């Protein structure tokens, strides 16, 4: 089942820590419960975003791999 998202952030081609920094900036702008879809090509981005989400009270809903792209879904806590 596809996850419905409110916003999309494309950080493909960027290496960590930039995908995480930009994800954090975008999530800060969301309303509680909104979902951000992050498109990343850096293979460490999902783990970094997951670790940050746990610490920050947000929720990593899913990571889908589509070719070389990681679709990372984060819900604002």
PDB file of N, CA and C in Angstrom:
ATOM      1  N   UNK A   1       0.853  -1.198   0.000  1.00  0.00           N
ATOM      2  CA  UNK A   1       0.000   0.000   0.000  1.00  0.00           C
ATOM      3  C   UNK A   1       0.889   1.248   0.000  1.00  0.00           C
ATOM      4  N   UNK A   2       0.561   2.173  -0.831  1.00  0.00           N
ATOM      5  CA  UNK A   2       1.355   3.402  -0.916  1.00  0.00           C
ATOM      6  C   UNK A   2       1.077   4.290   0.297  1.00  0.00           C
ATOM      7  N   UNK A   3       2.109   4.901   0.789  1.00  0.00           N
ATOM      8  CA  UNK A   3       1.973   5.835   1.916  1.00  0.00           C
ATOM      9  C   UNK A   3       1.630   7.206   1.344  1.00  0.00           C
ATOM     10  N   UNK A   4       0.590   7.804   1.876  1.00  0.00           N
ATOM     11  CA  UNK A   4       0.193   9.139   1.438  1.00  0.00           C
ATOM     12  C   UNK A   4       1.085  10.150   2.150  1.00  0.00           C
ATOM     13  N   UNK A   5       1.687  11.043   1.375  1.00  0.00           N
ATOM     14  CA  UNK A   5       2.569  12.040   1.978  1.00  0.00           C
ATOM     15  C   UNK A   5       2.081  13.437   1.623  1.00  0.00           C
ATOM     16  N   UNK A   6       2.405  14.387   2.484  1.00  0.00           N
ATOM     17  CA  UNK A   6       1.980  15.777   2.308  1.00  0.00           C
ATOM     18  C   UNK A   6       3.005  16.591   1.540  1.00  0.00           C
ATOM     19  N   UNK A   7       4.279  16.268   1.735  1.00  0.00           N
ATOM     20  CA  UNK A   7       5.360  17.032   1.109  1.00  0.00           C
ATOM     21  C   UNK A   7       6.430  16.078   0.628  1.00  0.00           C
ATOM     22  N   UNK A   8       7.230  16.546  -0.331  1.00  0.00           N
ATOM     23  CA  UNK A   8       8.308  15.726  -0.869  1.00  0.00           C
ATOM     24  C   UNK A   8       9.590  16.546  -0.878  1.00  0.00           C
ATOM     25  N   UNK A   9      10.692  15.905  -0.501  1.00  0.00           N
ATOM     26  CA  UNK A   9      12.000  16.547  -0.476  1.00  0.00           C
ATOM     27  C   UNK A   9      12.957  15.671  -1.272  1.00  0.00           C
ATOM     28  N   UNK A  10      13.560  16.238  -2.310  1.00  0.00           N
ATOM     29  CA  UNK A  10      14.469  15.476  -3.168  1.00  0.00           C
ATOM     30  C   UNK A  10      15.907  15.867  -2.834  1.00  0.00           C
ATOM     31  N   UNK A  11      16.638  14.948  -2.194  1.00  0.00           N
ATOM     32  CA  UNK A  11      18.037  15.195  -1.859  1.00  0.00           C
ATOM     33  C   UNK A  11      18.947  14.185  -2.579  1.00  0.00           C
ATOM     34  N   UNK A  12      18.461  13.638  -3.693  1.00  0.00           N
ATOM     35  CA  UNK A  12      19.289  12.705  -4.457  1.00  0.00           C
ATOM     36  C   UNK A  12      20.547  13.421  -4.934  1.00  0.00           C
ATOM     37  N   UNK A  13      21.666  12.711  -4.869  1.00  0.00           N
ATOM     38  CA  UNK A  13      22.933  13.291  -5.283  1.00  0.00           C
ATOM     39  C   UNK A  13      23.668  13.994  -4.152  1.00  0.00           C
ATOM     40  N   UNK A  14      23.014  14.146  -3.007  1.00  0.00           N
ATOM     41  CA  UNK A  14      23.658  14.789  -1.860  1.00  0.00           C
ATOM     42  C   UNK A  14      24.124  13.721  -0.879  1.00  0.00           C
ATOM     43  N   UNK A  15      25.314  13.932  -0.301  1.00  0.00           N
ATOM     44  CA  UNK A  15      25.861  12.984   0.669  1.00  0.00           C
ATOM     45  C   UNK A  15      25.587  13.470   2.082  1.00  0.00           C
ATOM     46  N   UNK A  16      25.473  12.532   3.006  1.00  0.00           N
ATOM     47  CA  UNK A  16      25.279  12.894   4.405  1.00  0.00           C
ATOM     48  C   UNK A  16      26.442  13.765   4.856  1.00  0.00           C
ATOM     49  N   UNK A  17      26.172  14.744   5.697  1.00  0.00           N
ATOM     50  CA  UNK A  17      24.937  14.893   6.486  1.00  0.00           C
ATOM     51  C   UNK A  17      23.834  15.712   5.822  1.00  0.00           C
ATOM     52  N   UNK A  18      24.007  16.136   4.559  1.00  0.00           N
ATOM     53  CA  UNK A  18      23.025  17.062   3.971  1.00  0.00           C
ATOM     54  C   UNK A  18      21.606  16.513   3.865  1.00  0.00           C
ATOM     55  N   UNK A  19      21.408  15.237   3.457  1.00  0.00           N
ATOM     56  CA  UNK A  19      20.015  14.750   3.436  1.00  0.00           C
ATOM     57  C   UNK A  19      19.343  14.850   4.801  1.00  0.00           C
ATOM     58  N   UNK A  20      20.087  14.532   5.868  1.00  0.00           N
ATOM     59  CA  UNK A  20      19.516  14.611   7.216  1.00  0.00           C
ATOM     60  C   UNK A  20      19.236  16.058   7.610  1.00  0.00           C
ATOM     61  N   UNK A  21      20.183  16.948   7.336  1.00  0.00           N
ATOM     62  CA  UNK A  21      20.001  18.365   7.690  1.00  0.00           C
ATOM     63  C   UNK A  21      18.771  18.933   6.982  1.00  0.00           C
ATOM     64  N   UNK A  22      18.651  18.642   5.693  1.00  0.00           N
ATOM     65  CA  UNK A  22      17.517  19.181   4.933  1.00  0.00           C
ATOM     66  C   UNK A  22      16.199  18.533   5.349  1.00  0.00           C
ATOM     67  N   UNK A  23      16.247  17.238   5.702  1.00  0.00           N
ATOM     68  CA  UNK A  23      15.038  16.562   6.207  1.00  0.00           C
ATOM     69  C   UNK A  23      14.582  17.219   7.503  1.00  0.00           C
ATOM     70  N   UNK A  24      15.545  17.458   8.407  1.00  0.00           N
ATOM     71  CA  UNK A  24      15.225  18.078   9.694  1.00  0.00           C
ATOM     72  C   UNK A  24      14.606  19.460   9.485  1.00  0.00           C
ATOM     73  N   UNK A  25      15.198  20.267   8.594  1.00  0.00           N
ATOM     74  CA  UNK A  25      14.662  21.612   8.327  1.00  0.00           C
ATOM     75  C   UNK A  25      13.231  21.524   7.797  1.00  0.00           C
ATOM     76  N   UNK A  26      12.980  20.564   6.907  1.00  0.00           N
ATOM     77  CA  UNK A  26      11.648  20.437   6.303  1.00  0.00           C
ATOM     78  C   UNK A  26      10.631  19.944   7.335  1.00  0.00           C
ATOM     79  N   UNK A  27      11.014  18.951   8.144  1.00  0.00           N
ATOM     80  CA  UNK A  27      10.089  18.413   9.155  1.00  0.00           C
ATOM     81  C   UNK A  27       9.730  19.500  10.175  1.00  0.00           C
ATOM     82  N   UNK A  28      10.697  20.369  10.484  1.00  0.00           N
ATOM     83  CA  UNK A  28      10.423  21.465  11.424  1.00  0.00           C
ATOM     84  C   UNK A  28       9.286  22.363  10.931  1.00  0.00           C
ATOM     85  N   UNK A  29       9.091  22.425   9.620  1.00  0.00           N
ATOM     86  CA  UNK A  29       8.040  23.280   9.047  1.00  0.00           C
ATOM     87  C   UNK A  29       6.681  22.593   8.983  1.00  0.00           C
ATOM     88  N   UNK A  30       6.653  21.275   9.196  1.00  0.00           N
ATOM     89  CA  UNK A  30       5.402  20.534   9.063  1.00  0.00           C
ATOM     90  C   UNK A  30       4.513  20.719  10.284  1.00  0.00           C
ATOM     91  N   UNK A  31       3.238  20.449  10.093  1.00  0.00           N
ATOM     92  CA  UNK A  31       2.299  20.372  11.209  1.00  0.00           C
ATOM     93  C   UNK A  31       2.366  18.949  11.765  1.00  0.00           C
ATOM     94  N   UNK A  32       2.042  18.794  13.038  1.00  0.00           N
ATOM     95  CA  UNK A  32       2.045  17.469  13.677  1.00  0.00           C
ATOM     96  C   UNK A  32       1.183  16.497  12.865  1.00  0.00           C
ATOM     97  N   UNK A  33       1.749  15.323  12.588  1.00  0.00           N
ATOM     98  CA  UNK A  33       1.005  14.292  11.865  1.00  0.00           C
ATOM     99  C   UNK A  33       1.208  14.310  10.359  1.00  0.00           C
ATOM    100  N   UNK A  34       1.781  15.400   9.825  1.00  0.00           N
ATOM    101  CA  UNK A  34       2.036  15.442   8.388  1.00  0.00           C
ATOM    102  C   UNK A  34       3.215  14.538   8.032  1.00  0.00           C
ATOM    103  N   UNK A  35       3.217  14.056   6.790  1.00  0.00           N
ATOM    104  CA  UNK A  35       4.224  13.097   6.352  1.00  0.00           C
ATOM    105  C   UNK A  35       5.077  13.709   5.243  1.00  0.00           C
ATOM    106  N   UNK A  36       6.385  13.556   5.410  1.00  0.00           N
ATOM    107  CA  UNK A  36       7.358  14.010   4.419  1.00  0.00           C
ATOM    108  C   UNK A  36       7.946  12.793   3.727  1.00  0.00           C
ATOM    109  N   UNK A  37       7.972  12.818   2.404  1.00  0.00           N
ATOM    110  CA  UNK A  37       8.661  11.780   1.633  1.00  0.00           C
ATOM    111  C   UNK A  37      10.003  12.357   1.199  1.00  0.00           C
ATOM    112  N   UNK A  38      11.092  11.687   1.613  1.00  0.00           N
ATOM    113  CA  UNK A  38      12.438  12.116   1.250  1.00  0.00           C
ATOM    114  C   UNK A  38      12.971  11.160   0.198  1.00  0.00           C
ATOM    115  N   UNK A  39      13.429  11.712  -0.930  1.00  0.00           N
ATOM    116  CA  UNK A  39      14.072  10.901  -1.961  1.00  0.00           C
ATOM    117  C   UNK A  39      15.573  11.109  -1.819  1.00  0.00           C
ATOM    118  N   UNK A  40      16.293  10.037  -1.505  1.00  0.00           N
ATOM    119  CA  UNK A  40      17.731  10.140  -1.268  1.00  0.00           C
ATOM    120  C   UNK A  40      18.460   9.054  -2.048  1.00  0.00           C
ATOM    121  N   UNK A  41      19.687   9.358  -2.429  1.00  0.00           N
ATOM    122  CA  UNK A  41      20.511   8.356  -3.106  1.00  0.00           C
ATOM    123  C   UNK A  41      21.635   7.860  -2.197  1.00  0.00           C
ATOM    124  N   UNK A  42      21.875   8.539  -1.085  1.00  0.00           N
ATOM    125  CA  UNK A  42      22.936   8.150  -0.155  1.00  0.00           C
ATOM    126  C   UNK A  42      22.461   6.962   0.681  1.00  0.00           C
ATOM    127  N   UNK A  43      23.162   5.811   0.612  1.00  0.00           N
ATOM    128  CA  UNK A  43      22.680   4.624   1.332  1.00  0.00           C
ATOM    129  C   UNK A  43      22.674   4.759   2.845  1.00  0.00           C
ATOM    130  N   UNK A  44      23.399   5.728   3.416  1.00  0.00           N
ATOM    131  CA  UNK A  44      23.345   5.895   4.878  1.00  0.00           C
ATOM    132  C   UNK A  44      22.227   6.843   5.310  1.00  0.00           C
ATOM    133  N   UNK A  45      21.593   7.518   4.373  1.00  0.00           N
ATOM    134  CA  UNK A  45      20.521   8.463   4.728  1.00  0.00           C
ATOM    135  C   UNK A  45      19.389   7.800   5.512  1.00  0.00           C
ATOM    136  N   UNK A  46      18.896   6.611   5.110  1.00  0.00           N
ATOM    137  CA  UNK A  46      17.792   6.017   5.896  1.00  0.00           C
ATOM    138  C   UNK A  46      18.151   5.785   7.355  1.00  0.00           C
ATOM    139  N   UNK A  47      19.372   5.261   7.625  1.00  0.00           N
ATOM    140  CA  UNK A  47      19.754   5.008   9.021  1.00  0.00           C
ATOM    141  C   UNK A  47      19.898   6.318   9.784  1.00  0.00           C
ATOM    142  N   UNK A  48      20.507   7.309   9.154  1.00  0.00           N
ATOM    143  CA  UNK A  48      20.700   8.595   9.832  1.00  0.00           C
ATOM    144  C   UNK A  48      19.362   9.240  10.160  1.00  0.00           C
ATOM    145  N   UNK A  49      18.437   9.212   9.200  1.00  0.00           N
ATOM    146  CA  UNK A  49      17.120   9.828   9.410  1.00  0.00           C
ATOM    147  C   UNK A  49      16.342   9.038  10.466  1.00  0.00           C
ATOM    148  N   UNK A  50      16.467   7.707  10.449  1.00  0.00           N
ATOM    149  CA  UNK A  50      15.787   6.876  11.448  1.00  0.00           C
ATOM    150  C   UNK A  50      16.293   7.204  12.849  1.00  0.00           C
ATOM    151  N   UNK A  51      17.620   7.288  13.011  1.00  0.00           N
ATOM    152  CA  UNK A  51      18.209   7.584  14.326  1.00  0.00           C
ATOM    153  C   UNK A  51      17.765   8.963  14.806  1.00  0.00           C
ATOM    154  N   UNK A  52      17.776   9.947  13.904  1.00  0.00           N
ATOM    155  CA  UNK A  52      17.338  11.301  14.264  1.00  0.00           C
ATOM    156  C   UNK A  52      15.856  11.316  14.633  1.00  0.00           C
ATOM    157  N   UNK A  53      15.034  10.601  13.856  1.00  0.00           N
ATOM    158  CA  UNK A  53      13.585  10.588  14.119  1.00  0.00           C
ATOM    159  C   UNK A  53      13.297  10.038  15.519  1.00  0.00           C
ATOM    160  N   UNK A  54      13.977   8.953  15.887  1.00  0.00           N
ATOM    161  CA  UNK A  54      13.756   8.359  17.218  1.00  0.00           C
ATOM    162  C   UNK A  54      14.106   9.351  18.326  1.00  0.00           C
ATOM    163  N   UNK A  55      15.216  10.081  18.151  1.00  0.00           N
ATOM    164  CA  UNK A  55      15.659  11.026  19.182  1.00  0.00           C
ATOM    165  C   UNK A  55      14.774  12.264  19.246  1.00  0.00           C
ATOM    166  N   UNK A  56      14.197  12.638  18.101  1.00  0.00           N
ATOM    167  CA  UNK A  56      13.504  13.928  18.014  1.00  0.00           C
ATOM    168  C   UNK A  56      11.994  13.805  18.210  1.00  0.00           C
ATOM    169  N   UNK A  57      11.495  12.582  18.412  1.00  0.00           N
ATOM    170  CA  UNK A  57      10.065  12.413  18.629  1.00  0.00           C
ATOM    171  C   UNK A  57       9.254  12.349  17.351  1.00  0.00           C
ATOM    172  N   UNK A  58       9.937  12.193  16.214  1.00  0.00           N
ATOM    173  CA  UNK A  58       9.246  11.990  14.949  1.00  0.00           C
ATOM    174  C   UNK A  58       9.259  10.495  14.646  1.00  0.00           C
ATOM    175  N   UNK A  59       8.618  10.089  13.546  1.00  0.00           N
ATOM    176  CA  UNK A  59       8.473   8.666  13.280  1.00  0.00           C
ATOM    177  C   UNK A  59       8.877   8.345  11.848  1.00  0.00           C
ATOM    178  N   UNK A  60       9.799   7.389  11.709  1.00  0.00           N
ATOM    179  CA  UNK A  60      10.131   6.870  10.388  1.00  0.00           C
ATOM    180  C   UNK A  60       9.078   5.823  10.057  1.00  0.00           C
ATOM    181  N   UNK A  61       8.257   6.091   9.046  1.00  0.00           N
ATOM    182  CA  UNK A  61       7.165   5.170   8.710  1.00  0.00           C
ATOM    183  C   UNK A  61       7.646   4.011   7.857  1.00  0.00           C
ATOM    184  N   UNK A  62       8.516   4.307   6.875  1.00  0.00           N
ATOM    185  CA  UNK A  62       8.950   3.269   5.947  1.00  0.00           C
ATOM    186  C   UNK A  62      10.125   3.764   5.138  1.00  0.00           C
ATOM    187  N   UNK A  63      10.887   2.801   4.628  1.00  0.00           N
ATOM    188  CA  UNK A  63      11.924   3.089   3.644  1.00  0.00           C
ATOM    189  C   UNK A  63      11.685   2.127   2.489  1.00  0.00           C
ATOM    190  N   UNK A  64      11.468   2.674   1.299  1.00  0.00           N
ATOM    191  CA  UNK A  64      11.298   1.854   0.113  1.00  0.00           C
ATOM    192  C   UNK A  64      12.478   2.116  -0.811  1.00  0.00           C
ATOM    193  N   UNK A  65      13.056   1.045  -1.347  1.00  0.00           N
ATOM    194  CA  UNK A  65      14.170   1.199  -2.264  1.00  0.00           C
ATOM    195  C   UNK A  65      13.636   1.022  -3.684  1.00  0.00           C
ATOM    196  N   UNK A  66      13.894   2.039  -4.514  1.00  0.00           N
ATOM    197  CA  UNK A  66      13.418   2.029  -5.898  1.00  0.00           C
ATOM    198  C   UNK A  66      14.626   2.278  -6.791  1.00  0.00           C
ATOM    199  N   UNK A  67      15.243   1.191  -7.276  1.00  0.00           N
ATOM    200  CA  UNK A  67      16.486   1.338  -8.021  1.00  0.00           C
ATOM    201  C   UNK A  67      17.541   1.873  -7.077  1.00  0.00           C
ATOM    202  N   UNK A  68      18.149   3.004  -7.425  1.00  0.00           N
ATOM    203  CA  UNK A  68      19.161   3.605  -6.561  1.00  0.00           C
ATOM    204  C   UNK A  68      18.611   4.684  -5.655  1.00  0.00           C
ATOM    205  N   UNK A  69      17.289   4.801  -5.574  1.00  0.00           N
ATOM    206  CA  UNK A  69      16.670   5.851  -4.768  1.00  0.00           C
ATOM    207  C   UNK A  69      16.013   5.244  -3.530  1.00  0.00           C
ATOM    208  N   UNK A  70      16.251   5.888  -2.391  1.00  0.00           N
ATOM    209  CA  UNK A  70      15.590   5.499  -1.145  1.00  0.00           C
ATOM    210  C   UNK A  70      14.442   6.462  -0.912  1.00  0.00           C
ATOM    211  N   UNK A  71      13.233   5.927  -0.833  1.00  0.00           N
ATOM    212  CA  UNK A  71      12.065   6.744  -0.509  1.00  0.00           C
ATOM    213  C   UNK A  71      11.828   6.581   0.992  1.00  0.00           C
ATOM    214  N   UNK A  72      12.071   7.666   1.730  1.00  0.00           N
ATOM    215  CA  UNK A  72      12.042   7.623   3.190  1.00  0.00           C
ATOM    216  C   UNK A  72      10.838   8.455   3.654  1.00  0.00           C
ATOM    217  N   UNK A  73       9.952   7.816   4.407  1.00  0.00           N
ATOM    218  CA  UNK A  73       8.732   8.500   4.853  1.00  0.00           C
ATOM    219  C   UNK A  73       8.832   8.813   6.340  1.00  0.00           C
ATOM    220  N   UNK A  74       8.699  10.101   6.672  1.00  0.00           N
ATOM    221  CA  UNK A  74       8.816  10.555   8.067  1.00  0.00           C
ATOM    222  C   UNK A  74       7.543  11.290   8.453  1.00  0.00           C
ATOM    223  N   UNK A  75       6.967  10.896   9.599  1.00  0.00           N
ATOM    224  CA  UNK A  75       5.790  11.613  10.127  1.00  0.00           C
ATOM    225  C   UNK A  75       6.234  12.514  11.261  1.00  0.00           C
ATOM    226  N   UNK A  76       5.764  13.758  11.202  1.00  0.00           N
ATOM    227  CA  UNK A  76       6.077  14.734  12.262  1.00  0.00           C
ATOM    228  C   UNK A  76       5.382  14.288  13.545  1.00  0.00           C
ATOM    229  N   UNK A  77       6.159  14.238  14.644  1.00  0.00           N
ATOM    230  CA  UNK A  77       5.621  13.805  15.932  1.00  0.00           C
ATOM    231  C   UNK A  77       5.057  14.958  16.734  1.00  0.00           C
TER     232      UNK A  77
END
